[in-house]
Amino acid sequence: MVRTKLQRCKDCEEYGLGDICKHCDGKMETVAPLKYSPEDPQGTRRRQRVDAGSDIWIESLPTPRKVIEGEEEE
């Protein structure tokens, strides 16, 4: 059972609501990520598993823009 109605075909990338693509008969996959809940009962365990807050974890996060070395941040 899918968690969201909007689906995208893995082969032709067409959007639809079914499990099978109407254009190429390919398999459809979910487009949107799972919903986030601030009351997530497993949130603490998940953050411990990825060591959230550590220097290595912070450096692994994507940056919204390229930082040029030698240039000060505003």
C-alpha atoms as a PDB file:
ATOM      1  CA  MET A   1       0.000   0.000   0.000  1.00  0.00           C
ATOM      2  CA  VAL A   2       1.373   3.413  -0.942  1.00  0.00           C
ATOM      3  CA  ARG A   3       1.551   6.248   1.556  1.00  0.00           C
ATOM      4  CA  THR A   4       0.908   8.999  -0.962  1.00  0.00           C
ATOM      5  CA  LYS A   5      -1.304   8.984  -4.045  1.00  0.00           C
ATOM      6  CA  LEU A   6       1.012  10.809  -6.470  1.00  0.00           C
ATOM      7  CA  GLN A   7       3.359   8.359  -8.206  1.00  0.00           C
ATOM      8  CA  ARG A   8       6.089   8.665 -10.876  1.00  0.00           C
ATOM      9  CA  CYS A   9       7.132   6.010 -13.379  1.00  0.00           C
ATOM     10  CA  LYS A  10      10.700   4.725 -12.943  1.00  0.00           C
ATOM     11  CA  ASP A  11      11.094   4.235 -16.709  1.00  0.00           C
ATOM     12  CA  CYS A  12       9.446   7.171 -18.509  1.00  0.00           C
ATOM     13  CA  GLU A  13       9.113   9.553 -15.510  1.00  0.00           C
ATOM     14  CA  GLU A  14       5.425  10.254 -16.196  1.00  0.00           C
ATOM     15  CA  TYR A  15       3.198  11.069 -13.209  1.00  0.00           C
ATOM     16  CA  GLY A  16       0.048   9.201 -12.249  1.00  0.00           C
ATOM     17  CA  LEU A  17      -2.019   7.785  -9.407  1.00  0.00           C
ATOM     18  CA  GLY A  18      -1.783   4.030 -10.037  1.00  0.00           C
ATOM     19  CA  ASP A  19       0.818   1.337  -9.367  1.00  0.00           C
ATOM     20  CA  ILE A  20       1.434   0.706 -13.091  1.00  0.00           C
ATOM     21  CA  CYS A  21       2.262   3.442 -15.640  1.00  0.00           C
ATOM     22  CA  LYS A  22      -0.452   3.965 -18.269  1.00  0.00           C
ATOM     23  CA  HIS A  23       2.101   5.096 -20.874  1.00  0.00           C
ATOM     24  CA  CYS A  24       4.754   2.339 -20.744  1.00  0.00           C
ATOM     25  CA  ASP A  25       3.395  -0.229 -18.227  1.00  0.00           C
ATOM     26  CA  GLY A  26       6.409   0.473 -15.970  1.00  0.00           C
ATOM     27  CA  LYS A  27       6.449   0.348 -12.177  1.00  0.00           C
ATOM     28  CA  MET A  28       5.426   3.546 -10.375  1.00  0.00           C
ATOM     29  CA  GLU A  29       7.254   4.894  -7.293  1.00  0.00           C
ATOM     30  CA  THR A  30       6.291   7.398  -4.611  1.00  0.00           C
ATOM     31  CA  VAL A  31       7.179  11.018  -5.370  1.00  0.00           C
ATOM     32  CA  ALA A  32       6.942  12.706  -1.966  1.00  0.00           C
ATOM     33  CA  PRO A  33       8.975  11.781   1.123  1.00  0.00           C
ATOM     34  CA  LEU A  34       7.286  10.337   4.193  1.00  0.00           C
ATOM     35  CA  LYS A  35       5.585  12.816   6.506  1.00  0.00           C
ATOM     36  CA  TYR A  36       7.589  14.249   9.419  1.00  0.00           C
ATOM     37  CA  SER A  37       6.200  14.260  12.932  1.00  0.00           C
ATOM     38  CA  PRO A  38       7.793  16.247  15.793  1.00  0.00           C
ATOM     39  CA  GLU A  39       6.378  13.628  18.193  1.00  0.00           C
ATOM     40  CA  ASP A  40       8.409  10.894  16.440  1.00  0.00           C
ATOM     41  CA  PRO A  41       8.889   8.158  19.058  1.00  0.00           C
ATOM     42  CA  GLN A  42      12.063   6.876  17.359  1.00  0.00           C
ATOM     43  CA  GLY A  43      13.631  10.320  16.763  1.00  0.00           C
ATOM     44  CA  THR A  44      16.062  10.120  19.678  1.00  0.00           C
ATOM     45  CA  ARG A  45      17.356   6.696  18.631  1.00  0.00           C
ATOM     46  CA  ARG A  46      17.709   7.827  14.994  1.00  0.00           C
ATOM     47  CA  ARG A  47      19.733  10.917  15.995  1.00  0.00           C
ATOM     48  CA  GLN A  48      22.002   8.773  18.195  1.00  0.00           C
ATOM     49  CA  ARG A  49      22.563   6.326  15.339  1.00  0.00           C
ATOM     50  CA  VAL A  50      23.759   9.062  12.941  1.00  0.00           C
ATOM     51  CA  ASP A  51      25.608  10.896  15.758  1.00  0.00           C
ATOM     52  CA  ALA A  52      23.669  14.104  15.066  1.00  0.00           C
ATOM     53  CA  GLY A  53      25.427  17.218  16.334  1.00  0.00           C
ATOM     54  CA  SER A  54      28.970  15.881  16.039  1.00  0.00           C
ATOM     55  CA  ASP A  55      31.571  17.736  13.962  1.00  0.00           C
ATOM     56  CA  ILE A  56      31.693  14.939  11.371  1.00  0.00           C
ATOM     57  CA  TRP A  57      27.901  14.976  11.005  1.00  0.00           C
ATOM     58  CA  ILE A  58      27.816  18.763  10.618  1.00  0.00           C
ATOM     59  CA  GLU A  59      30.509  18.659   7.916  1.00  0.00           C
ATOM     60  CA  SER A  60      28.542  15.994   6.016  1.00  0.00           C
ATOM     61  CA  LEU A  61      25.470  18.240   5.654  1.00  0.00           C
ATOM     62  CA  PRO A  62      24.940  19.807   2.208  1.00  0.00           C
ATOM     63  CA  THR A  63      25.517  23.552   1.954  1.00  0.00           C
ATOM     64  CA  PRO A  64      23.035  25.802   0.134  1.00  0.00           C
ATOM     65  CA  ARG A  65      25.821  27.639  -1.676  1.00  0.00           C
ATOM     66  CA  LYS A  66      29.447  27.107  -2.529  1.00  0.00           C
ATOM     67  CA  VAL A  67      31.795  28.696   0.016  1.00  0.00           C
ATOM     68  CA  ILE A  68      34.989  30.008  -1.551  1.00  0.00           C
ATOM     69  CA  GLU A  69      38.103  29.475   0.545  1.00  0.00           C
ATOM     70  CA  GLY A  70      39.581  32.715   1.844  1.00  0.00           C
ATOM     71  CA  GLU A  71      36.274  34.567   1.582  1.00  0.00           C
ATOM     72  CA  GLU A  72      34.602  35.544   4.854  1.00  0.00           C
ATOM     73  CA  GLU A  73      30.984  34.602   5.409  1.00  0.00           C
ATOM     74  CA  GLU A  74      28.523  37.444   5.865  1.00  0.00           C
END
